[in-house]
Amino acid sequence: MNHFVNFMLMGAPGGGQQGGSAGLLSFLPIVLIFGVFWFFMIRPQNKQRKETQRMLSELKKGDKVVTIGGIHGVVQSVRENSVILKVDESCKIEFTRSAIASMKEKGDSSGGESAD
């Protein structure tokens, strides 16, 4: 075990003086792992967060949405920090904007529902 630690700290045994590029090459795998991690994990998450923020800022009356709790409803009115959803003919519930998970379809400007 001690030989392994010496090898990692000083480089290959019996080699004399190594160039400065050997030290940089030892960091290359770490840099590559971070690059792959950023490309496949961090970047898509940031894109999704920006898309969700854009969707929440564009909410308007008549939009059909789904909350993070799975409640489907139609936006009845939009306030600064909250949204009132019409869940049923006689049921309206107020949610914070951040509780809206997704938009099923864009509403029209009249805010009415289409008859099926």
PDB file of N, CA and C in Angstrom:
ATOM      1  N   MET A   1       0.834  -1.188   0.000  1.00  0.00           N
ATOM      2  CA  MET A   1       0.000   0.000   0.000  1.00  0.00           C
ATOM      3  C   MET A   1       0.879   1.252   0.000  1.00  0.00           C
ATOM      4  N   ASN A   2       1.973   1.199   0.746  1.00  0.00           N
ATOM      5  CA  ASN A   2       2.863   2.336   0.832  1.00  0.00           C
ATOM      6  C   ASN A   2       3.486   2.651  -0.525  1.00  0.00           C
ATOM      7  N   HIS A   3       3.800   1.627  -1.312  1.00  0.00           N
ATOM      8  CA  HIS A   3       4.372   1.842  -2.632  1.00  0.00           C
ATOM      9  C   HIS A   3       3.374   2.521  -3.563  1.00  0.00           C
ATOM     10  N   PHE A   4       2.110   2.147  -3.402  1.00  0.00           N
ATOM     11  CA  PHE A   4       1.069   2.761  -4.233  1.00  0.00           C
ATOM     12  C   PHE A   4       0.951   4.256  -3.941  1.00  0.00           C
ATOM     13  N   VAL A   5       0.990   4.635  -2.671  1.00  0.00           N
ATOM     14  CA  VAL A   5       0.902   6.042  -2.287  1.00  0.00           C
ATOM     15  C   VAL A   5       2.108   6.811  -2.821  1.00  0.00           C
ATOM     16  N   ASN A   6       3.308   6.226  -2.704  1.00  0.00           N
ATOM     17  CA  ASN A   6       4.500   6.880  -3.237  1.00  0.00           C
ATOM     18  C   ASN A   6       4.404   7.055  -4.750  1.00  0.00           C
ATOM     19  N   PHE A   7       3.888   6.058  -5.425  1.00  0.00           N
ATOM     20  CA  PHE A   7       3.725   6.133  -6.879  1.00  0.00           C
ATOM     21  C   PHE A   7       2.773   7.262  -7.264  1.00  0.00           C
ATOM     22  N   MET A   8       1.683   7.382  -6.532  1.00  0.00           N
ATOM     23  CA  MET A   8       0.702   8.418  -6.842  1.00  0.00           C
ATOM     24  C   MET A   8       1.227   9.817  -6.530  1.00  0.00           C
ATOM     25  N   LEU A   9       2.022   9.953  -5.472  1.00  0.00           N
ATOM     26  CA  LEU A   9       2.525  11.264  -5.080  1.00  0.00           C
ATOM     27  C   LEU A   9       3.721  11.727  -5.907  1.00  0.00           C
ATOM     28  N   MET A  10       4.601  10.802  -6.265  1.00  0.00           N
ATOM     29  CA  MET A  10       5.837  11.192  -6.931  1.00  0.00           C
ATOM     30  C   MET A  10       5.927  10.757  -8.381  1.00  0.00           C
ATOM     31  N   GLY A  11       5.034   9.990  -8.853  1.00  0.00           N
ATOM     32  CA  GLY A  11       5.120   9.521 -10.222  1.00  0.00           C
ATOM     33  C   GLY A  11       5.755   8.151 -10.287  1.00  0.00           C
ATOM     34  N   ALA A  12       6.129   7.726 -11.470  1.00  0.00           N
ATOM     35  CA  ALA A  12       6.714   6.397 -11.678  1.00  0.00           C
ATOM     36  C   ALA A  12       8.083   6.319 -11.004  1.00  0.00           C
ATOM     37  N   PRO A  13       8.417   5.173 -10.373  1.00  0.00           N
ATOM     38  CA  PRO A  13       9.694   5.057  -9.678  1.00  0.00           C
ATOM     39  C   PRO A  13      10.860   4.956 -10.652  1.00  0.00           C
ATOM     40  N   GLY A  14      11.987   5.559 -10.272  1.00  0.00           N
ATOM     41  CA  GLY A  14      13.217   5.440 -11.040  1.00  0.00           C
ATOM     42  C   GLY A  14      13.216   6.206 -12.334  1.00  0.00           C
ATOM     43  N   GLY A  15      12.332   7.122 -12.507  1.00  0.00           N
ATOM     44  CA  GLY A  15      12.233   7.817 -13.780  1.00  0.00           C
ATOM     45  C   GLY A  15      12.976   9.122 -13.829  1.00  0.00           C
ATOM     46  N   GLY A  16      13.499   9.614 -12.768  1.00  0.00           N
ATOM     47  CA  GLY A  16      14.162  10.899 -12.769  1.00  0.00           C
ATOM     48  C   GLY A  16      13.145  12.031 -12.749  1.00  0.00           C
ATOM     49  N   GLN A  17      13.483  13.141 -13.349  1.00  0.00           N
ATOM     50  CA  GLN A  17      12.627  14.327 -13.373  1.00  0.00           C
ATOM     51  C   GLN A  17      11.609  14.209 -14.506  1.00  0.00           C
ATOM     52  N   GLN A  18      10.323  14.426 -14.174  1.00  0.00           N
ATOM     53  CA  GLN A  18       9.275  14.397 -15.197  1.00  0.00           C
ATOM     54  C   GLN A  18       8.943  15.821 -15.610  1.00  0.00           C
ATOM     55  N   GLY A  19       8.394  15.947 -16.826  1.00  0.00           N
ATOM     56  CA  GLY A  19       8.007  17.263 -17.317  1.00  0.00           C
ATOM     57  C   GLY A  19       6.740  17.757 -16.643  1.00  0.00           C
ATOM     58  N   GLY A  20       6.437  19.032 -16.835  1.00  0.00           N
ATOM     59  CA  GLY A  20       5.245  19.620 -16.246  1.00  0.00           C
ATOM     60  C   GLY A  20       3.964  19.105 -16.861  1.00  0.00           C
ATOM     61  N   SER A  21       4.028  18.588 -18.072  1.00  0.00           N
ATOM     62  CA  SER A  21       2.811  18.104 -18.723  1.00  0.00           C
ATOM     63  C   SER A  21       2.290  16.830 -18.089  1.00  0.00           C
ATOM     64  N   ALA A  22       3.145  16.045 -17.417  1.00  0.00           N
ATOM     65  CA  ALA A  22       2.690  14.822 -16.757  1.00  0.00           C
ATOM     66  C   ALA A  22       1.747  15.157 -15.606  1.00  0.00           C
ATOM     67  N   GLY A  23       2.001  16.255 -14.913  1.00  0.00           N
ATOM     68  CA  GLY A  23       1.105  16.681 -13.845  1.00  0.00           C
ATOM     69  C   GLY A  23      -0.249  17.101 -14.373  1.00  0.00           C
ATOM     70  N   LEU A  24      -0.234  17.780 -15.521  1.00  0.00           N
ATOM     71  CA  LEU A  24      -1.503  18.195 -16.126  1.00  0.00           C
ATOM     72  C   LEU A  24      -2.284  17.007 -16.655  1.00  0.00           C
ATOM     73  N   LEU A  25      -1.586  16.003 -17.159  1.00  0.00           N
ATOM     74  CA  LEU A  25      -2.274  14.818 -17.674  1.00  0.00           C
ATOM     75  C   LEU A  25      -2.970  14.041 -16.573  1.00  0.00           C
ATOM     76  N   SER A  26      -2.477  14.160 -15.352  1.00  0.00           N
ATOM     77  CA  SER A  26      -3.130  13.455 -14.256  1.00  0.00           C
ATOM     78  C   SER A  26      -4.479  14.099 -13.905  1.00  0.00           C
ATOM     79  N   PHE A  27      -4.661  15.366 -14.237  1.00  0.00           N
ATOM     80  CA  PHE A  27      -5.938  16.036 -13.984  1.00  0.00           C
ATOM     81  C   PHE A  27      -6.909  15.900 -15.149  1.00  0.00           C
ATOM     82  N   LEU A  28      -6.452  15.419 -16.273  1.00  0.00           N
ATOM     83  CA  LEU A  28      -7.308  15.285 -17.455  1.00  0.00           C
ATOM     84  C   LEU A  28      -8.530  14.399 -17.208  1.00  0.00           C
ATOM     85  N   PRO A  29      -8.417  13.239 -16.562  1.00  0.00           N
ATOM     86  CA  PRO A  29      -9.615  12.433 -16.309  1.00  0.00           C
ATOM     87  C   PRO A  29     -10.648  13.158 -15.442  1.00  0.00           C
ATOM     88  N   ILE A  30     -10.173  13.910 -14.458  1.00  0.00           N
ATOM     89  CA  ILE A  30     -11.102  14.652 -13.597  1.00  0.00           C
ATOM     90  C   ILE A  30     -11.840  15.710 -14.402  1.00  0.00           C
ATOM     91  N   VAL A  31     -11.121  16.407 -15.257  1.00  0.00           N
ATOM     92  CA  VAL A  31     -11.732  17.434 -16.096  1.00  0.00           C
ATOM     93  C   VAL A  31     -12.730  16.803 -17.060  1.00  0.00           C
ATOM     94  N   LEU A  32     -12.371  15.668 -17.637  1.00  0.00           N
ATOM     95  CA  LEU A  32     -13.295  14.983 -18.554  1.00  0.00           C
ATOM     96  C   LEU A  32     -14.548  14.497 -17.837  1.00  0.00           C
ATOM     97  N   ILE A  33     -14.403  13.964 -16.638  1.00  0.00           N
ATOM     98  CA  ILE A  33     -15.567  13.511 -15.867  1.00  0.00           C
ATOM     99  C   ILE A  33     -16.471  14.686 -15.550  1.00  0.00           C
ATOM    100  N   PHE A  34     -15.885  15.807 -15.137  1.00  0.00           N
ATOM    101  CA  PHE A  34     -16.699  16.997 -14.853  1.00  0.00           C
ATOM    102  C   PHE A  34     -17.410  17.484 -16.112  1.00  0.00           C
ATOM    103  N   GLY A  35     -16.716  17.461 -17.261  1.00  0.00           N
ATOM    104  CA  GLY A  35     -17.332  17.891 -18.513  1.00  0.00           C
ATOM    105  C   GLY A  35     -18.512  17.016 -18.904  1.00  0.00           C
ATOM    106  N   VAL A  36     -18.349  15.722 -18.785  1.00  0.00           N
ATOM    107  CA  VAL A  36     -19.455  14.802 -19.099  1.00  0.00           C
ATOM    108  C   VAL A  36     -20.598  15.000 -18.116  1.00  0.00           C
ATOM    109  N   PHE A  37     -20.277  15.145 -16.836  1.00  0.00           N
ATOM    110  CA  PHE A  37     -21.298  15.381 -15.814  1.00  0.00           C
ATOM    111  C   PHE A  37     -22.075  16.657 -16.110  1.00  0.00           C
ATOM    112  N   TRP A  38     -21.371  17.717 -16.478  1.00  0.00           N
ATOM    113  CA  TRP A  38     -22.042  18.976 -16.796  1.00  0.00           C
ATOM    114  C   TRP A  38     -22.925  18.819 -18.029  1.00  0.00           C
ATOM    115  N   PHE A  39     -22.410  18.156 -19.054  1.00  0.00           N
ATOM    116  CA  PHE A  39     -23.143  18.049 -20.310  1.00  0.00           C
ATOM    117  C   PHE A  39     -24.409  17.203 -20.173  1.00  0.00           C
ATOM    118  N   PHE A  40     -24.358  16.135 -19.373  1.00  0.00           N
ATOM    119  CA  PHE A  40     -25.501  15.234 -19.273  1.00  0.00           C
ATOM    120  C   PHE A  40     -26.390  15.478 -18.063  1.00  0.00           C
ATOM    121  N   MET A  41     -25.928  16.219 -17.065  1.00  0.00           N
ATOM    122  CA  MET A  41     -26.725  16.414 -15.861  1.00  0.00           C
ATOM    123  C   MET A  41     -27.093  17.877 -15.613  1.00  0.00           C
ATOM    124  N   ILE A  42     -26.108  18.740 -15.523  1.00  0.00           N
ATOM    125  CA  ILE A  42     -26.347  20.114 -15.114  1.00  0.00           C
ATOM    126  C   ILE A  42     -27.012  20.921 -16.219  1.00  0.00           C
ATOM    127  N   ARG A  43     -26.516  20.828 -17.441  1.00  0.00           N
ATOM    128  CA  ARG A  43     -27.049  21.617 -18.550  1.00  0.00           C
ATOM    129  C   ARG A  43     -28.523  21.314 -18.828  1.00  0.00           C
ATOM    130  N   PRO A  44     -28.937  20.044 -18.936  1.00  0.00           N
ATOM    131  CA  PRO A  44     -30.367  19.779 -19.162  1.00  0.00           C
ATOM    132  C   PRO A  44     -31.249  20.239 -18.001  1.00  0.00           C
ATOM    133  N   GLN A  45     -30.739  20.132 -16.774  1.00  0.00           N
ATOM    134  CA  GLN A  45     -31.514  20.573 -15.629  1.00  0.00           C
ATOM    135  C   GLN A  45     -31.722  22.090 -15.665  1.00  0.00           C
ATOM    136  N   ASN A  46     -30.703  22.837 -16.045  1.00  0.00           N
ATOM    137  CA  ASN A  46     -30.838  24.293 -16.165  1.00  0.00           C
ATOM    138  C   ASN A  46     -31.811  24.663 -17.278  1.00  0.00           C
ATOM    139  N   LYS A  47     -31.761  23.942 -18.407  1.00  0.00           N
ATOM    140  CA  LYS A  47     -32.701  24.205 -19.495  1.00  0.00           C
ATOM    141  C   LYS A  47     -34.133  23.952 -19.046  1.00  0.00           C
ATOM    142  N   GLN A  48     -34.361  22.859 -18.311  1.00  0.00           N
ATOM    143  CA  GLN A  48     -35.704  22.525 -17.829  1.00  0.00           C
ATOM    144  C   GLN A  48     -36.202  23.580 -16.845  1.00  0.00           C
ATOM    145  N   ARG A  49     -35.317  24.058 -15.972  1.00  0.00           N
ATOM    146  CA  ARG A  49     -35.706  25.084 -15.000  1.00  0.00           C
ATOM    147  C   ARG A  49     -36.099  26.384 -15.703  1.00  0.00           C
ATOM    148  N   LYS A  50     -35.332  26.785 -16.713  1.00  0.00           N
ATOM    149  CA  LYS A  50     -35.661  27.995 -17.456  1.00  0.00           C
ATOM    150  C   LYS A  50     -36.977  27.842 -18.206  1.00  0.00           C
ATOM    151  N   GLU A  51     -37.226  26.676 -18.782  1.00  0.00           N
ATOM    152  CA  GLU A  51     -38.479  26.418 -19.496  1.00  0.00           C
ATOM    153  C   GLU A  51     -39.673  26.469 -18.531  1.00  0.00           C
ATOM    154  N   THR A  52     -39.505  25.910 -17.331  1.00  0.00           N
ATOM    155  CA  THR A  52     -40.582  25.950 -16.342  1.00  0.00           C
ATOM    156  C   THR A  52     -40.856  27.375 -15.892  1.00  0.00           C
ATOM    157  N   GLN A  53     -39.808  28.162 -15.669  1.00  0.00           N
ATOM    158  CA  GLN A  53     -39.989  29.555 -15.281  1.00  0.00           C
ATOM    159  C   GLN A  53     -40.705  30.348 -16.372  1.00  0.00           C
ATOM    160  N   ARG A  54     -40.357  30.084 -17.635  1.00  0.00           N
ATOM    161  CA  ARG A  54     -41.017  30.760 -18.743  1.00  0.00           C
ATOM    162  C   ARG A  54     -42.496  30.372 -18.797  1.00  0.00           C
ATOM    163  N   MET A  55     -42.793  29.083 -18.608  1.00  0.00           N
ATOM    164  CA  MET A  55     -44.171  28.618 -18.633  1.00  0.00           C
ATOM    165  C   MET A  55     -44.976  29.255 -17.505  1.00  0.00           C
ATOM    166  N   LEU A  56     -44.407  29.352 -16.309  1.00  0.00           N
ATOM    167  CA  LEU A  56     -45.115  29.950 -15.184  1.00  0.00           C
ATOM    168  C   LEU A  56     -45.357  31.438 -15.395  1.00  0.00           C
ATOM    169  N   SER A  57     -44.428  32.115 -16.037  1.00  0.00           N
ATOM    170  CA  SER A  57     -44.611  33.552 -16.258  1.00  0.00           C
ATOM    171  C   SER A  57     -45.641  33.832 -17.353  1.00  0.00           C
ATOM    172  N   GLU A  58     -45.885  32.858 -18.227  1.00  0.00           N
ATOM    173  CA  GLU A  58     -46.838  33.050 -19.325  1.00  0.00           C
ATOM    174  C   GLU A  58     -48.226  32.487 -19.035  1.00  0.00           C
ATOM    175  N   LEU A  59     -48.494  32.049 -17.796  1.00  0.00           N
ATOM    176  CA  LEU A  59     -49.817  31.520 -17.456  1.00  0.00           C
ATOM    177  C   LEU A  59     -50.879  32.591 -17.643  1.00  0.00           C
ATOM    178  N   LYS A  60     -52.010  32.187 -18.191  1.00  0.00           N
ATOM    179  CA  LYS A  60     -53.124  33.121 -18.363  1.00  0.00           C
ATOM    180  C   LYS A  60     -54.437  32.379 -18.217  1.00  0.00           C
ATOM    181  N   LYS A  61     -55.505  33.122 -18.114  1.00  0.00           N
ATOM    182  CA  LYS A  61     -56.833  32.559 -17.932  1.00  0.00           C
ATOM    183  C   LYS A  61     -57.167  31.634 -19.099  1.00  0.00           C
ATOM    184  N   GLY A  62     -57.681  30.453 -18.757  1.00  0.00           N
ATOM    185  CA  GLY A  62     -58.091  29.495 -19.773  1.00  0.00           C
ATOM    186  C   GLY A  62     -57.073  28.406 -20.059  1.00  0.00           C
ATOM    187  N   ASP A  63     -55.858  28.530 -19.556  1.00  0.00           N
ATOM    188  CA  ASP A  63     -54.840  27.494 -19.765  1.00  0.00           C
ATOM    189  C   ASP A  63     -55.199  26.257 -18.949  1.00  0.00           C
ATOM    190  N   LYS A  64     -55.031  25.091 -19.549  1.00  0.00           N
ATOM    191  CA  LYS A  64     -55.247  23.827 -18.841  1.00  0.00           C
ATOM    192  C   LYS A  64     -53.905  23.380 -18.291  1.00  0.00           C
ATOM    193  N   VAL A  65     -53.866  23.167 -16.963  1.00  0.00           N
ATOM    194  CA  VAL A  65     -52.605  22.864 -16.297  1.00  0.00           C
ATOM    195  C   VAL A  65     -52.752  21.641 -15.394  1.00  0.00           C
ATOM    196  N   VAL A  66     -51.593  21.115 -14.975  1.00  0.00           N
ATOM    197  CA  VAL A  66     -51.516  20.029 -13.999  1.00  0.00           C
ATOM    198  C   VAL A  66     -50.597  20.507 -12.881  1.00  0.00           C
ATOM    199  N   THR A  67     -51.025  20.317 -11.627  1.00  0.00           N
ATOM    200  CA  THR A  67     -50.208  20.728 -10.488  1.00  0.00           C
ATOM    201  C   THR A  67     -49.217  19.629 -10.130  1.00  0.00           C
ATOM    202  N   ILE A  68     -48.284  19.946  -9.227  1.00  0.00           N
ATOM    203  CA  ILE A  68     -47.309  18.956  -8.800  1.00  0.00           C
ATOM    204  C   ILE A  68     -47.970  17.836  -8.011  1.00  0.00           C
ATOM    205  N   GLY A  69     -49.172  18.058  -7.512  1.00  0.00           N
ATOM    206  CA  GLY A  69     -49.917  17.027  -6.795  1.00  0.00           C
ATOM    207  C   GLY A  69     -50.787  16.189  -7.713  1.00  0.00           C
ATOM    208  N   GLY A  70     -50.794  16.511  -9.014  1.00  0.00           N
ATOM    209  CA  GLY A  70     -51.562  15.733  -9.977  1.00  0.00           C
ATOM    210  C   GLY A  70     -52.972  16.229 -10.218  1.00  0.00           C
ATOM    211  N   ILE A  71     -53.310  17.412  -9.728  1.00  0.00           N
ATOM    212  CA  ILE A  71     -54.653  17.961  -9.927  1.00  0.00           C
ATOM    213  C   ILE A  71     -54.703  18.656 -11.278  1.00  0.00           C
ATOM    214  N   HIS A  72     -55.693  18.287 -12.086  1.00  0.00           N
ATOM    215  CA  HIS A  72     -55.896  18.895 -13.396  1.00  0.00           C
ATOM    216  C   HIS A  72     -56.943  19.993 -13.248  1.00  0.00           C
ATOM    217  N   GLY A  73     -56.701  21.113 -13.899  1.00  0.00           N
ATOM    218  CA  GLY A  73     -57.656  22.199 -13.816  1.00  0.00           C
ATOM    219  C   GLY A  73     -57.417  23.239 -14.890  1.00  0.00           C
ATOM    220  N   VAL A  74     -58.327  24.209 -14.924  1.00  0.00           N
ATOM    221  CA  VAL A  74     -58.257  25.319 -15.874  1.00  0.00           C
ATOM    222  C   VAL A  74     -57.999  26.585 -15.073  1.00  0.00           C
ATOM    223  N   VAL A  75     -57.060  27.397 -15.532  1.00  0.00           N
ATOM    224  CA  VAL A  75     -56.721  28.631 -14.832  1.00  0.00           C
ATOM    225  C   VAL A  75     -57.920  29.573 -14.894  1.00  0.00           C
ATOM    226  N   GLN A  76     -58.424  29.943 -13.724  1.00  0.00           N
ATOM    227  CA  GLN A  76     -59.555  30.861 -13.618  1.00  0.00           C
ATOM    228  C   GLN A  76     -59.068  32.299 -13.528  1.00  0.00           C
ATOM    229  N   SER A  77     -58.029  32.518 -12.712  1.00  0.00           N
ATOM    230  CA  SER A  77     -57.432  33.846 -12.623  1.00  0.00           C
ATOM    231  C   SER A  77     -55.980  33.705 -12.189  1.00  0.00           C
ATOM    232  N   VAL A  78     -55.194  34.709 -12.555  1.00  0.00           N
ATOM    233  CA  VAL A  78     -53.764  34.713 -12.258  1.00  0.00           C
ATOM    234  C   VAL A  78     -53.463  35.925 -11.393  1.00  0.00           C
ATOM    235  N   ARG A  79     -52.780  35.681 -10.285  1.00  0.00           N
ATOM    236  CA  ARG A  79     -52.335  36.752  -9.402  1.00  0.00           C
ATOM    237  C   ARG A  79     -50.819  36.806  -9.426  1.00  0.00           C
ATOM    238  N   GLU A  80     -50.257  37.696  -8.631  1.00  0.00           N
ATOM    239  CA  GLU A  80     -48.807  37.865  -8.637  1.00  0.00           C
ATOM    240  C   GLU A  80     -48.069  36.592  -8.237  1.00  0.00           C
ATOM    241  N   ASN A  81     -48.469  35.971  -7.124  1.00  0.00           N
ATOM    242  CA  ASN A  81     -47.780  34.777  -6.630  1.00  0.00           C
ATOM    243  C   ASN A  81     -48.655  33.537  -6.612  1.00  0.00           C
ATOM    244  N   SER A  82     -49.904  33.643  -7.042  1.00  0.00           N
ATOM    245  CA  SER A  82     -50.800  32.495  -6.978  1.00  0.00           C
ATOM    246  C   SER A  82     -51.672  32.419  -8.222  1.00  0.00           C
ATOM    247  N   VAL A  83     -52.295  31.252  -8.367  1.00  0.00           N
ATOM    248  CA  VAL A  83     -53.174  30.982  -9.496  1.00  0.00           C
ATOM    249  C   VAL A  83     -54.411  30.298  -8.942  1.00  0.00           C
ATOM    250  N   ILE A  84     -55.589  30.697  -9.403  1.00  0.00           N
ATOM    251  CA  ILE A  84     -56.823  30.032  -9.002  1.00  0.00           C
ATOM    252  C   ILE A  84     -57.230  29.108 -10.142  1.00  0.00           C
ATOM    253  N   LEU A  85     -57.355  27.804  -9.792  1.00  0.00           N
ATOM    254  CA  LEU A  85     -57.726  26.805 -10.782  1.00  0.00           C
ATOM    255  C   LEU A  85     -59.165  26.389 -10.585  1.00  0.00           C
ATOM    256  N   LYS A  86     -59.858  26.237 -11.689  1.00  0.00           N
ATOM    257  CA  LYS A  86     -61.213  25.691 -11.674  1.00  0.00           C
ATOM    258  C   LYS A  86     -61.066  24.195 -11.916  1.00  0.00           C
ATOM    259  N   VAL A  87     -61.331  23.413 -10.873  1.00  0.00           N
ATOM    260  CA  VAL A  87     -61.156  21.977 -10.935  1.00  0.00           C
ATOM    261  C   VAL A  87     -62.439  21.298 -11.385  1.00  0.00           C
ATOM    262  N   ASP A  88     -63.573  21.807 -10.925  1.00  0.00           N
ATOM    263  CA  ASP A  88     -64.885  21.274 -11.259  1.00  0.00           C
ATOM    264  C   ASP A  88     -65.813  22.464 -11.448  1.00  0.00           C
ATOM    265  N   GLU A  89     -67.052  22.205 -11.802  1.00  0.00           N
ATOM    266  CA  GLU A  89     -68.000  23.301 -12.024  1.00  0.00           C
ATOM    267  C   GLU A  89     -68.166  24.173 -10.784  1.00  0.00           C
ATOM    268  N   SER A  90     -68.101  23.570  -9.601  1.00  0.00           N
ATOM    269  CA  SER A  90     -68.322  24.339  -8.378  1.00  0.00           C
ATOM    270  C   SER A  90     -67.093  24.379  -7.473  1.00  0.00           C
ATOM    271  N   CYS A  91     -65.935  23.971  -7.960  1.00  0.00           N
ATOM    272  CA  CYS A  91     -64.748  23.900  -7.110  1.00  0.00           C
ATOM    273  C   CYS A  91     -63.601  24.704  -7.713  1.00  0.00           C
ATOM    274  N   LYS A  92     -63.154  25.705  -6.966  1.00  0.00           N
ATOM    275  CA  LYS A  92     -61.991  26.499  -7.351  1.00  0.00           C
ATOM    276  C   LYS A  92     -60.965  26.396  -6.229  1.00  0.00           C
ATOM    277  N   ILE A  93     -59.701  26.195  -6.600  1.00  0.00           N
ATOM    278  CA  ILE A  93     -58.636  26.048  -5.619  1.00  0.00           C
ATOM    279  C   ILE A  93     -57.521  27.023  -5.965  1.00  0.00           C
ATOM    280  N   GLU A  94     -56.964  27.650  -4.924  1.00  0.00           N
ATOM    281  CA  GLU A  94     -55.854  28.579  -5.131  1.00  0.00           C
ATOM    282  C   GLU A  94     -54.532  27.863  -4.874  1.00  0.00           C
ATOM    283  N   PHE A  95     -53.585  27.982  -5.806  1.00  0.00           N
ATOM    284  CA  PHE A  95     -52.261  27.385  -5.707  1.00  0.00           C
ATOM    285  C   PHE A  95     -51.211  28.470  -5.892  1.00  0.00           C
ATOM    286  N   THR A  96     -50.037  28.256  -5.306  1.00  0.00           N
ATOM    287  CA  THR A  96     -48.925  29.135  -5.634  1.00  0.00           C
ATOM    288  C   THR A  96     -48.465  28.802  -7.048  1.00  0.00           C
ATOM    289  N   ARG A  97     -47.863  29.751  -7.712  1.00  0.00           N
ATOM    290  CA  ARG A  97     -47.420  29.526  -9.099  1.00  0.00           C
ATOM    291  C   ARG A  97     -46.451  28.356  -9.204  1.00  0.00           C
ATOM    292  N   SER A  98     -45.591  28.193  -8.205  1.00  0.00           N
ATOM    293  CA  SER A  98     -44.595  27.129  -8.260  1.00  0.00           C
ATOM    294  C   SER A  98     -45.207  25.736  -8.144  1.00  0.00           C
ATOM    295  N   ALA A  99     -46.488  25.643  -7.773  1.00  0.00           N
ATOM    296  CA  ALA A  99     -47.160  24.346  -7.678  1.00  0.00           C
ATOM    297  C   ALA A  99     -47.653  23.854  -9.034  1.00  0.00           C
ATOM    298  N   ILE A 100     -47.561  24.669 -10.074  1.00  0.00           N
ATOM    299  CA  ILE A 100     -47.971  24.249 -11.420  1.00  0.00           C
ATOM    300  C   ILE A 100     -46.812  23.477 -12.037  1.00  0.00           C
ATOM    301  N   ALA A 101     -47.061  22.219 -12.394  1.00  0.00           N
ATOM    302  CA  ALA A 101     -46.002  21.364 -12.942  1.00  0.00           C
ATOM    303  C   ALA A 101     -45.917  21.479 -14.452  1.00  0.00           C
ATOM    304  N   SER A 102     -47.055  21.484 -15.128  1.00  0.00           N
ATOM    305  CA  SER A 102     -47.021  21.523 -16.590  1.00  0.00           C
ATOM    306  C   SER A 102     -48.321  22.091 -17.131  1.00  0.00           C
ATOM    307  N   MET A 103     -48.258  22.471 -18.401  1.00  0.00           N
ATOM    308  CA  MET A 103     -49.419  23.005 -19.093  1.00  0.00           C
ATOM    309  C   MET A 103     -49.857  21.974 -20.128  1.00  0.00           C
ATOM    310  N   LYS A 104     -51.120  21.569 -20.074  1.00  0.00           N
ATOM    311  CA  LYS A 104     -51.605  20.566 -21.011  1.00  0.00           C
ATOM    312  C   LYS A 104     -51.817  21.166 -22.389  1.00  0.00           C
ATOM    313  N   GLU A 105     -52.446  22.320 -22.439  1.00  0.00           N
ATOM    314  CA  GLU A 105     -52.646  22.998 -23.714  1.00  0.00           C
ATOM    315  C   GLU A 105     -52.873  24.472 -23.454  1.00  0.00           C
ATOM    316  N   LYS A 106     -52.558  25.270 -24.444  1.00  0.00           N
ATOM    317  CA  LYS A 106     -52.734  26.711 -24.311  1.00  0.00           C
ATOM    318  C   LYS A 106     -54.211  27.049 -24.341  1.00  0.00           C
ATOM    319  N   GLY A 107     -54.596  28.001 -23.521  1.00  0.00           N
ATOM    320  CA  GLY A 107     -55.977  28.460 -23.506  1.00  0.00           C
ATOM    321  C   GLY A 107     -56.170  29.554 -24.539  1.00  0.00           C
ATOM    322  N   ASP A 108     -57.433  29.813 -24.877  1.00  0.00           N
ATOM    323  CA  ASP A 108     -57.719  30.918 -25.783  1.00  0.00           C
ATOM    324  C   ASP A 108     -57.938  32.182 -24.972  1.00  0.00           C
ATOM    325  N   SER A 109     -58.051  33.309 -25.631  1.00  0.00           N
ATOM    326  CA  SER A 109     -58.158  34.580 -24.926  1.00  0.00           C
ATOM    327  C   SER A 109     -59.492  34.766 -24.229  1.00  0.00           C
ATOM    328  N   SER A 110     -60.554  34.024 -24.638  1.00  0.00           N
ATOM    329  CA  SER A 110     -61.857  34.174 -24.014  1.00  0.00           C
ATOM    330  C   SER A 110     -61.924  33.450 -22.669  1.00  0.00           C
ATOM    331  N   GLY A 111     -61.060  32.437 -22.464  1.00  0.00           N
ATOM    332  CA  GLY A 111     -61.016  31.757 -21.191  1.00  0.00           C
ATOM    333  C   GLY A 111     -62.069  30.695 -21.048  1.00  0.00           C
ATOM    334  N   GLY A 112     -62.858  30.433 -22.050  1.00  0.00           N
ATOM    335  CA  GLY A 112     -63.909  29.428 -21.959  1.00  0.00           C
ATOM    336  C   GLY A 112     -63.410  28.060 -22.343  1.00  0.00           C
ATOM    337  N   GLU A 113     -64.140  27.032 -21.873  1.00  0.00           N
ATOM    338  CA  GLU A 113     -63.785  25.666 -22.230  1.00  0.00           C
ATOM    339  C   GLU A 113     -64.587  25.243 -23.445  1.00  0.00           C
ATOM    340  N   SER A 114     -64.020  24.359 -24.236  1.00  0.00           N
ATOM    341  CA  SER A 114     -64.734  23.870 -25.406  1.00  0.00           C
ATOM    342  C   SER A 114     -65.637  22.720 -24.990  1.00  0.00           C
ATOM    343  N   ALA A 115     -66.785  22.638 -25.587  1.00  0.00           N
ATOM    344  CA  ALA A 115     -67.734  21.550 -25.274  1.00  0.00           C
ATOM    345  C   ALA A 115     -67.349  20.311 -26.044  1.00  0.00           C
ATOM    346  N   ASP A 116     -67.345  19.181 -25.335  1.00  0.00           N
ATOM    347  CA  ASP A 116     -67.002  17.908 -25.974  1.00  0.00           C
ATOM    348  C   ASP A 116     -68.243  17.158 -26.387  1.00  0.00           C
TER     349      ASP A 116
END
